[in-house]
Amino acid sequence: MLVLLPPSEGKASSGRGAPVKLESLSLPGLTEARSAVLAELVELCAGDEEKAREVLGLSEGLRGEVAKNAELLGAGARPAGEIYTGVLYDALGLGTLDSAAKRRAGRQLLVFSGLWGAVGIGDKIPSYRCSMGVKLPGLGALGAHWRGPMADVMPEAAGAGLVLDLRSSAYAAAWKPKGEVAGRTASVRVLHAPTRKVVSHFNKATKGRIVRSLLSAGIAPTGPAELVEALRDLGYVVEVEPPKGAGKAWTLDVLVDEVH
């Protein structure tokens, strides 16, 4: 099973260790594309602060993130699972998983990123601000920048089992499963049962809890149908939208009654 996650907007501070080594990150086929984004982002943020803030879509209160981005080449790196914070990652609680579940997380979780393309939770990266929706002056829209490199590496990364896609739409744009891989891909929506609407905060929290449940139980469904059974066994209410033709991903709706 491979689980695709979005990053968090907010991030923990960079570590005190050595700077990021691009060649050491998961999916080495992305190294050249990562290097291009990193160089462009550092150059942007080392220049005009107002321009950088506008390009990155940062509020006045986040002005300090520009200076941090300018220092990325020398910033200390720490495991991505410690860098990403926020609602989904709080609910996932990587730090409180037992040792076996942590090993599964290291093998099965992949976090998509505007700067890195995608990283494993054990990959060491610095804290940064650069969403997939950004258009960098020298590279253009990052979603488009990553599409080609991702298409080259992701089919192999997906292996032969289930691909559980929990990404938000901006990050899903960087790679869309096709063909045989799409047929064993399941995307999940979390709906407030009484209204049938997505509630952003609870959507993220429930997705985090789903991943934690699967990791803790040691469950690795081989396909979307097996995932539906596993989630129901774990106590989730799941509705299924069958794929519309061969080579199409499944859509699962997880219904929740209370929005916490």
C-alpha atoms as a PDB file:
ATOM      1  CA  MET A   1       0.000   0.000   0.000  1.00  0.00           C
ATOM      2  CA  LEU A   2       1.158   3.522  -0.819  1.00  0.00           C
ATOM      3  CA  VAL A   3      -0.548   6.462   0.900  1.00  0.00           C
ATOM      4  CA  LEU A   4      -0.352   9.882  -0.775  1.00  0.00           C
ATOM      5  CA  LEU A   5      -0.663  12.808   1.641  1.00  0.00           C
ATOM      6  CA  PRO A   6      -0.774  16.587   1.239  1.00  0.00           C
ATOM      7  CA  PRO A   7       1.761  18.642   3.193  1.00  0.00           C
ATOM      8  CA  SER A   8       0.774  21.061   5.927  1.00  0.00           C
ATOM      9  CA  GLU A   9       0.895  24.809   5.339  1.00  0.00           C
ATOM     10  CA  GLY A  10       2.355  25.424   8.765  1.00  0.00           C
ATOM     11  CA  LYS A  11       5.543  23.576   9.604  1.00  0.00           C
ATOM     12  CA  ALA A  12       7.792  22.973  12.567  1.00  0.00           C
ATOM     13  CA  SER A  13      11.101  24.816  12.660  1.00  0.00           C
ATOM     14  CA  SER A  14      14.132  23.484  10.823  1.00  0.00           C
ATOM     15  CA  GLY A  15      16.498  21.167  12.629  1.00  0.00           C
ATOM     16  CA  ARG A  16      20.036  21.779  13.882  1.00  0.00           C
ATOM     17  CA  GLY A  17      21.603  19.101  11.743  1.00  0.00           C
ATOM     18  CA  ALA A  18      23.166  19.150   8.308  1.00  0.00           C
ATOM     19  CA  PRO A  19      21.371  20.851   5.392  1.00  0.00           C
ATOM     20  CA  VAL A  20      19.186  18.891   3.014  1.00  0.00           C
ATOM     21  CA  LYS A  21      20.948  16.516   0.629  1.00  0.00           C
ATOM     22  CA  LEU A  22      18.755  16.246  -2.435  1.00  0.00           C
ATOM     23  CA  GLU A  23      20.408  13.039  -3.587  1.00  0.00           C
ATOM     24  CA  SER A  24      19.461  11.319  -0.319  1.00  0.00           C
ATOM     25  CA  LEU A  25      15.705  11.920  -0.615  1.00  0.00           C
ATOM     26  CA  SER A  26      13.218   9.270  -1.707  1.00  0.00           C
ATOM     27  CA  LEU A  27      12.390   9.133  -5.427  1.00  0.00           C
ATOM     28  CA  PRO A  28      15.888  10.102  -6.664  1.00  0.00           C
ATOM     29  CA  GLY A  29      14.482  10.571 -10.142  1.00  0.00           C
ATOM     30  CA  LEU A  30      13.112  13.899  -8.887  1.00  0.00           C
ATOM     31  CA  THR A  31      16.532  15.288  -7.906  1.00  0.00           C
ATOM     32  CA  GLU A  32      16.981  17.528 -10.947  1.00  0.00           C
ATOM     33  CA  ALA A  33      13.464  18.953 -10.680  1.00  0.00           C
ATOM     34  CA  ARG A  34      13.929  19.509  -6.931  1.00  0.00           C
ATOM     35  CA  SER A  35      17.208  21.319  -7.507  1.00  0.00           C
ATOM     36  CA  ALA A  36      15.541  23.653  -9.997  1.00  0.00           C
ATOM     37  CA  VAL A  37      12.704  24.582  -7.623  1.00  0.00           C
ATOM     38  CA  LEU A  38      15.031  25.000  -4.645  1.00  0.00           C
ATOM     39  CA  ALA A  39      17.403  27.295  -6.552  1.00  0.00           C
ATOM     40  CA  GLU A  40      14.548  29.381  -7.944  1.00  0.00           C
ATOM     41  CA  LEU A  41      12.839  29.695  -4.553  1.00  0.00           C
ATOM     42  CA  VAL A  42      16.044  30.740  -2.767  1.00  0.00           C
ATOM     43  CA  GLU A  43      16.842  33.305  -5.466  1.00  0.00           C
ATOM     44  CA  LEU A  44      13.316  34.740  -5.307  1.00  0.00           C
ATOM     45  CA  CYS A  45      13.354  35.060  -1.524  1.00  0.00           C
ATOM     46  CA  ALA A  46      16.873  36.507  -1.395  1.00  0.00           C
ATOM     47  CA  GLY A  47      15.692  39.380  -3.594  1.00  0.00           C
ATOM     48  CA  ASP A  48      12.744  41.740  -3.255  1.00  0.00           C
ATOM     49  CA  GLU A  49      10.788  40.719  -0.158  1.00  0.00           C
ATOM     50  CA  GLU A  50       7.473  42.168  -1.308  1.00  0.00           C
ATOM     51  CA  LYS A  51       7.679  40.410  -4.658  1.00  0.00           C
ATOM     52  CA  ALA A  52       8.522  37.121  -2.969  1.00  0.00           C
ATOM     53  CA  ARG A  53       5.655  37.501  -0.507  1.00  0.00           C
ATOM     54  CA  GLU A  54       3.251  38.188  -3.380  1.00  0.00           C
ATOM     55  CA  VAL A  55       4.469  35.234  -5.459  1.00  0.00           C
ATOM     56  CA  LEU A  56       4.226  32.867  -2.495  1.00  0.00           C
ATOM     57  CA  GLY A  57       0.820  34.173  -1.413  1.00  0.00           C
ATOM     58  CA  LEU A  58       1.999  34.980   2.110  1.00  0.00           C
ATOM     59  CA  SER A  59       0.129  37.321   4.429  1.00  0.00           C
ATOM     60  CA  GLU A  60       1.824  40.205   6.213  1.00  0.00           C
ATOM     61  CA  GLY A  61       2.023  38.063   9.324  1.00  0.00           C
ATOM     62  CA  LEU A  62       4.056  35.458   7.437  1.00  0.00           C
ATOM     63  CA  ARG A  63       6.587  37.922   6.048  1.00  0.00           C
ATOM     64  CA  GLY A  64       9.346  36.227   8.050  1.00  0.00           C
ATOM     65  CA  GLU A  65       8.926  33.058   5.973  1.00  0.00           C
ATOM     66  CA  VAL A  66      10.567  34.835   3.031  1.00  0.00           C
ATOM     67  CA  ALA A  67      13.844  35.230   4.929  1.00  0.00           C
ATOM     68  CA  LYS A  68      13.682  31.591   6.042  1.00  0.00           C
ATOM     69  CA  ASN A  69      13.257  30.457   2.433  1.00  0.00           C
ATOM     70  CA  ALA A  70      16.279  32.542   1.419  1.00  0.00           C
ATOM     71  CA  GLU A  71      18.407  30.477   3.837  1.00  0.00           C
ATOM     72  CA  LEU A  72      17.145  27.037   2.793  1.00  0.00           C
ATOM     73  CA  LEU A  73      20.464  25.863   1.372  1.00  0.00           C
ATOM     74  CA  GLY A  74      22.088  26.133   4.798  1.00  0.00           C
ATOM     75  CA  ALA A  75      19.111  25.380   7.041  1.00  0.00           C
ATOM     76  CA  GLY A  76      19.238  22.286   9.219  1.00  0.00           C
ATOM     77  CA  ALA A  77      17.141  19.362   8.030  1.00  0.00           C
ATOM     78  CA  ARG A  78      14.999  17.005  10.097  1.00  0.00           C
ATOM     79  CA  PRO A  79      12.640  14.134   9.187  1.00  0.00           C
ATOM     80  CA  ALA A  80       9.654  15.266   7.134  1.00  0.00           C
ATOM     81  CA  GLY A  81       7.378  13.485   9.597  1.00  0.00           C
ATOM     82  CA  GLU A  82       8.530  16.024  12.200  1.00  0.00           C
ATOM     83  CA  ILE A  83       8.412  19.048   9.882  1.00  0.00           C
ATOM     84  CA  TYR A  84       4.785  18.666   8.791  1.00  0.00           C
ATOM     85  CA  THR A  85       2.265  19.684  11.444  1.00  0.00           C
ATOM     86  CA  GLY A  86      -1.383  20.763  11.394  1.00  0.00           C
ATOM     87  CA  VAL A  87      -4.723  19.009  11.669  1.00  0.00           C
ATOM     88  CA  LEU A  88      -4.048  15.918   9.537  1.00  0.00           C
ATOM     89  CA  TYR A  89      -0.634  15.266  11.052  1.00  0.00           C
ATOM     90  CA  ASP A  90      -1.859  15.884  14.601  1.00  0.00           C
ATOM     91  CA  ALA A  91      -4.554  13.241  14.055  1.00  0.00           C
ATOM     92  CA  LEU A  92      -2.056  10.877  12.434  1.00  0.00           C
ATOM     93  CA  GLY A  93       0.272  11.251  15.420  1.00  0.00           C
ATOM     94  CA  LEU A  94       3.390   9.752  13.879  1.00  0.00           C
ATOM     95  CA  GLY A  95       5.399  10.280  17.045  1.00  0.00           C
ATOM     96  CA  THR A  96       3.043   8.172  19.162  1.00  0.00           C
ATOM     97  CA  LEU A  97       2.777   5.159  16.848  1.00  0.00           C
ATOM     98  CA  ASP A  98       4.288   1.920  18.082  1.00  0.00           C
ATOM     99  CA  SER A  99       7.554   0.799  16.505  1.00  0.00           C
ATOM    100  CA  ALA A 100       5.948  -1.572  14.001  1.00  0.00           C
ATOM    101  CA  ALA A 101       3.472   1.087  12.853  1.00  0.00           C
ATOM    102  CA  LYS A 102       6.301   3.619  12.510  1.00  0.00           C
ATOM    103  CA  ARG A 103       8.158   1.213  10.234  1.00  0.00           C
ATOM    104  CA  ARG A 104       5.035   0.796   8.123  1.00  0.00           C
ATOM    105  CA  ALA A 105       4.657   4.576   7.936  1.00  0.00           C
ATOM    106  CA  GLY A 106       8.230   4.889   6.711  1.00  0.00           C
ATOM    107  CA  ARG A 107       7.507   2.453   3.889  1.00  0.00           C
ATOM    108  CA  GLN A 108       3.983   3.482   2.978  1.00  0.00           C
ATOM    109  CA  LEU A 109       3.582   7.264   3.359  1.00  0.00           C
ATOM    110  CA  LEU A 110       4.529   9.792   0.692  1.00  0.00           C
ATOM    111  CA  VAL A 111       3.972  13.525   1.239  1.00  0.00           C
ATOM    112  CA  PHE A 112       3.506  15.691  -1.853  1.00  0.00           C
ATOM    113  CA  SER A 113       5.183  19.101  -1.843  1.00  0.00           C
ATOM    114  CA  GLY A 114       5.522  22.169  -4.025  1.00  0.00           C
ATOM    115  CA  LEU A 115       9.251  22.329  -3.259  1.00  0.00           C
ATOM    116  CA  TRP A 116      10.302  18.665  -3.099  1.00  0.00           C
ATOM    117  CA  GLY A 117       7.731  17.024  -5.384  1.00  0.00           C
ATOM    118  CA  ALA A 118       7.147  14.229  -2.889  1.00  0.00           C
ATOM    119  CA  VAL A 119       9.105  12.934   0.105  1.00  0.00           C
ATOM    120  CA  GLY A 120       8.971  10.026   2.508  1.00  0.00           C
ATOM    121  CA  ILE A 121       8.352  10.867   6.149  1.00  0.00           C
ATOM    122  CA  GLY A 122      11.890   9.816   7.040  1.00  0.00           C
ATOM    123  CA  ASP A 123      13.482  12.098   4.445  1.00  0.00           C
ATOM    124  CA  LYS A 124      15.345  14.977   6.096  1.00  0.00           C
ATOM    125  CA  ILE A 125      14.229  18.411   4.888  1.00  0.00           C
ATOM    126  CA  PRO A 126      14.246  21.959   6.288  1.00  0.00           C
ATOM    127  CA  SER A 127      11.124  23.949   7.093  1.00  0.00           C
ATOM    128  CA  TYR A 128       9.893  25.943   4.075  1.00  0.00           C
ATOM    129  CA  ARG A 129       6.961  27.814   2.560  1.00  0.00           C
ATOM    130  CA  CYS A 130       6.115  26.992  -1.047  1.00  0.00           C
ATOM    131  CA  SER A 131       2.755  25.519  -1.959  1.00  0.00           C
ATOM    132  CA  MET A 132       1.957  23.593  -5.130  1.00  0.00           C
ATOM    133  CA  GLY A 133      -0.205  26.495  -6.326  1.00  0.00           C
ATOM    134  CA  VAL A 134       2.779  28.860  -6.572  1.00  0.00           C
ATOM    135  CA  LYS A 135       4.045  30.169  -9.917  1.00  0.00           C
ATOM    136  CA  LEU A 136       7.780  30.789  -9.629  1.00  0.00           C
ATOM    137  CA  PRO A 137       9.132  33.425 -12.057  1.00  0.00           C
ATOM    138  CA  GLY A 138      11.653  31.131 -13.749  1.00  0.00           C
ATOM    139  CA  LEU A 139       9.665  27.890 -13.666  1.00  0.00           C
ATOM    140  CA  GLY A 140       5.993  28.781 -13.883  1.00  0.00           C
ATOM    141  CA  ALA A 141       3.248  26.852 -12.114  1.00  0.00           C
ATOM    142  CA  LEU A 142       4.726  24.183  -9.863  1.00  0.00           C
ATOM    143  CA  GLY A 143       1.883  21.759 -10.513  1.00  0.00           C
ATOM    144  CA  ALA A 144       2.874  21.754 -14.185  1.00  0.00           C
ATOM    145  CA  HIS A 145       6.604  21.682 -13.379  1.00  0.00           C
ATOM    146  CA  TRP A 146       6.213  18.460 -11.409  1.00  0.00           C
ATOM    147  CA  ARG A 147       3.886  16.680 -13.803  1.00  0.00           C
ATOM    148  CA  GLY A 148       6.562  15.256 -16.098  1.00  0.00           C
ATOM    149  CA  PRO A 149       9.055  14.137 -13.433  1.00  0.00           C
ATOM    150  CA  MET A 150       6.247  12.630 -11.352  1.00  0.00           C
ATOM    151  CA  ALA A 151       4.928  10.689 -14.329  1.00  0.00           C
ATOM    152  CA  ASP A 152       8.398   9.153 -14.666  1.00  0.00           C
ATOM    153  CA  VAL A 153       8.822   7.994 -11.058  1.00  0.00           C
ATOM    154  CA  MET A 154       5.392   7.411  -9.559  1.00  0.00           C
ATOM    155  CA  PRO A 155       4.273   4.277 -11.443  1.00  0.00           C
ATOM    156  CA  GLU A 156       7.261   2.394 -10.010  1.00  0.00           C
ATOM    157  CA  ALA A 157       6.770   3.956  -6.558  1.00  0.00           C
ATOM    158  CA  ALA A 158       3.138   2.831  -6.593  1.00  0.00           C
ATOM    159  CA  GLY A 159       4.268  -0.795  -6.634  1.00  0.00           C
ATOM    160  CA  ALA A 160       1.643  -3.465  -7.211  1.00  0.00           C
ATOM    161  CA  GLY A 161      -0.781  -2.706  -4.388  1.00  0.00           C
ATOM    162  CA  LEU A 162      -3.350  -0.154  -3.323  1.00  0.00           C
ATOM    163  CA  VAL A 163      -2.706   3.563  -3.802  1.00  0.00           C
ATOM    164  CA  LEU A 164      -4.656   5.494  -1.163  1.00  0.00           C
ATOM    165  CA  ASP A 165      -4.891   9.083  -2.375  1.00  0.00           C
ATOM    166  CA  LEU A 166      -5.626  11.600   0.392  1.00  0.00           C
ATOM    167  CA  ARG A 167      -4.184  14.646  -1.379  1.00  0.00           C
ATOM    168  CA  SER A 168      -5.979  17.939  -1.825  1.00  0.00           C
ATOM    169  CA  SER A 169      -6.750  19.018  -5.402  1.00  0.00           C
ATOM    170  CA  ALA A 170      -3.704  21.294  -5.801  1.00  0.00           C
ATOM    171  CA  TYR A 171      -1.330  18.440  -4.997  1.00  0.00           C
ATOM    172  CA  ALA A 172      -3.304  15.857  -6.940  1.00  0.00           C
ATOM    173  CA  ALA A 173      -2.620  17.986 -10.031  1.00  0.00           C
ATOM    174  CA  ALA A 174       1.079  17.075  -9.861  1.00  0.00           C
ATOM    175  CA  TRP A 175       0.411  13.398 -10.572  1.00  0.00           C
ATOM    176  CA  LYS A 176      -2.725  11.640 -11.709  1.00  0.00           C
ATOM    177  CA  PRO A 177      -2.631   7.834 -11.685  1.00  0.00           C
ATOM    178  CA  LYS A 178      -3.325   6.341 -15.087  1.00  0.00           C
ATOM    179  CA  GLY A 179      -4.166   2.973 -16.554  1.00  0.00           C
ATOM    180  CA  GLU A 180      -3.599  -0.049 -14.365  1.00  0.00           C
ATOM    181  CA  VAL A 181      -2.367   2.071 -11.433  1.00  0.00           C
ATOM    182  CA  ALA A 182      -5.545   4.165 -11.520  1.00  0.00           C
ATOM    183  CA  GLY A 183      -7.625   1.001 -11.287  1.00  0.00           C
ATOM    184  CA  ARG A 184      -6.122   0.234  -7.873  1.00  0.00           C
ATOM    185  CA  THR A 185      -6.237   3.825  -6.618  1.00  0.00           C
ATOM    186  CA  ALA A 186      -8.835   5.037  -4.119  1.00  0.00           C
ATOM    187  CA  SER A 187      -9.393   8.679  -3.235  1.00  0.00           C
ATOM    188  CA  VAL A 188     -11.271   9.539  -0.059  1.00  0.00           C
ATOM    189  CA  ARG A 189     -13.704  12.313   0.758  1.00  0.00           C
ATOM    190  CA  VAL A 190     -14.918  12.918   4.297  1.00  0.00           C
ATOM    191  CA  LEU A 191     -18.503  14.158   4.436  1.00  0.00           C
ATOM    192  CA  HIS A 192     -20.558  15.485   7.327  1.00  0.00           C
ATOM    193  CA  ALA A 193     -23.388  12.951   7.137  1.00  0.00           C
ATOM    194  CA  PRO A 194     -26.363  15.265   7.883  1.00  0.00           C
ATOM    195  CA  THR A 195     -25.344  17.846   5.256  1.00  0.00           C
ATOM    196  CA  ARG A 196     -23.294  15.701   2.822  1.00  0.00           C
ATOM    197  CA  LYS A 197     -20.739  18.507   2.750  1.00  0.00           C
ATOM    198  CA  VAL A 198     -16.981  18.504   3.194  1.00  0.00           C
ATOM    199  CA  VAL A 199     -15.884  20.343   6.337  1.00  0.00           C
ATOM    200  CA  SER A 200     -12.216  21.207   5.854  1.00  0.00           C
ATOM    201  CA  HIS A 201     -10.936  20.828   9.424  1.00  0.00           C
ATOM    202  CA  PHE A 202     -12.760  17.559  10.053  1.00  0.00           C
ATOM    203  CA  ASN A 203     -11.892  16.257   6.594  1.00  0.00           C
ATOM    204  CA  LYS A 204      -8.198  16.569   7.441  1.00  0.00           C
ATOM    205  CA  ALA A 205      -8.554  15.157  10.955  1.00  0.00           C
ATOM    206  CA  THR A 206     -10.508  12.117   9.778  1.00  0.00           C
ATOM    207  CA  LYS A 207      -7.997  11.381   7.025  1.00  0.00           C
ATOM    208  CA  GLY A 208      -5.234  11.481   9.617  1.00  0.00           C
ATOM    209  CA  ARG A 209      -7.160   9.083  11.846  1.00  0.00           C
ATOM    210  CA  ILE A 210      -7.827   6.725   8.931  1.00  0.00           C
ATOM    211  CA  VAL A 211      -4.114   6.455   8.170  1.00  0.00           C
ATOM    212  CA  ARG A 212      -3.303   5.968  11.839  1.00  0.00           C
ATOM    213  CA  SER A 213      -5.937   3.226  12.118  1.00  0.00           C
ATOM    214  CA  LEU A 214      -4.538   1.336   9.129  1.00  0.00           C
ATOM    215  CA  LEU A 215      -0.933   1.654  10.295  1.00  0.00           C
ATOM    216  CA  SER A 216      -1.711   0.667  13.878  1.00  0.00           C
ATOM    217  CA  ALA A 217      -3.762  -2.351  12.824  1.00  0.00           C
ATOM    218  CA  GLY A 218      -1.108  -3.483  10.366  1.00  0.00           C
ATOM    219  CA  ILE A 219      -3.677  -3.511   7.573  1.00  0.00           C
ATOM    220  CA  ALA A 220      -2.405  -3.092   4.013  1.00  0.00           C
ATOM    221  CA  PRO A 221      -5.338  -3.594   1.621  1.00  0.00           C
ATOM    222  CA  THR A 222      -4.343  -4.845  -1.810  1.00  0.00           C
ATOM    223  CA  GLY A 223      -7.000  -2.864  -3.659  1.00  0.00           C
ATOM    224  CA  PRO A 224      -9.900  -0.417  -3.262  1.00  0.00           C
ATOM    225  CA  ALA A 225     -12.509  -3.107  -2.534  1.00  0.00           C
ATOM    226  CA  GLU A 226     -10.340  -4.505   0.254  1.00  0.00           C
ATOM    227  CA  LEU A 227      -9.874  -0.968   1.599  1.00  0.00           C
ATOM    228  CA  VAL A 228     -13.641  -0.511   1.869  1.00  0.00           C
ATOM    229  CA  GLU A 229     -13.902  -3.733   3.875  1.00  0.00           C
ATOM    230  CA  ALA A 230     -10.980  -2.754   6.104  1.00  0.00           C
ATOM    231  CA  LEU A 231     -12.376   0.693   6.877  1.00  0.00           C
ATOM    232  CA  ARG A 232     -15.787  -0.727   7.707  1.00  0.00           C
ATOM    233  CA  ASP A 233     -14.143  -3.293   9.980  1.00  0.00           C
ATOM    234  CA  LEU A 234     -12.382  -0.395  11.719  1.00  0.00           C
ATOM    235  CA  GLY A 235     -15.725   1.276  12.376  1.00  0.00           C
ATOM    236  CA  TYR A 236     -15.945   3.799   9.547  1.00  0.00           C
ATOM    237  CA  VAL A 237     -19.125   4.360   7.542  1.00  0.00           C
ATOM    238  CA  VAL A 238     -18.090   4.152   3.904  1.00  0.00           C
ATOM    239  CA  GLU A 239     -19.999   4.671   0.676  1.00  0.00           C
ATOM    240  CA  VAL A 240     -18.452   3.689  -2.634  1.00  0.00           C
ATOM    241  CA  GLU A 241     -18.686   5.320  -6.033  1.00  0.00           C
ATOM    242  CA  PRO A 242     -17.704   2.575  -8.507  1.00  0.00           C
ATOM    243  CA  PRO A 243     -15.126   3.579 -11.099  1.00  0.00           C
ATOM    244  CA  LYS A 244     -16.598   4.746 -14.374  1.00  0.00           C
ATOM    245  CA  GLY A 245     -14.848   2.382 -16.731  1.00  0.00           C
ATOM    246  CA  ALA A 246     -11.511   0.590 -16.771  1.00  0.00           C
ATOM    247  CA  GLY A 247      -8.434   2.481 -15.667  1.00  0.00           C
ATOM    248  CA  LYS A 248     -10.386   4.841 -13.420  1.00  0.00           C
ATOM    249  CA  ALA A 249      -9.781   5.508  -9.737  1.00  0.00           C
ATOM    250  CA  TRP A 250     -12.323   4.647  -7.057  1.00  0.00           C
ATOM    251  CA  THR A 251     -13.931   7.338  -4.892  1.00  0.00           C
ATOM    252  CA  LEU A 252     -14.808   6.501  -1.288  1.00  0.00           C
ATOM    253  CA  ASP A 253     -16.991   8.724   0.885  1.00  0.00           C
ATOM    254  CA  VAL A 254     -16.430   8.393   4.623  1.00  0.00           C
ATOM    255  CA  LEU A 255     -19.463   9.723   6.505  1.00  0.00           C
ATOM    256  CA  VAL A 256     -19.168  11.300   9.939  1.00  0.00           C
ATOM    257  CA  ASP A 257     -21.992  12.465  12.199  1.00  0.00           C
ATOM    258  CA  GLU A 258     -20.123  14.886  14.413  1.00  0.00           C
ATOM    259  CA  VAL A 259     -17.793  17.686  13.430  1.00  0.00           C
ATOM    260  CA  HIS A 260     -15.310  18.170  16.277  1.00  0.00           C
END
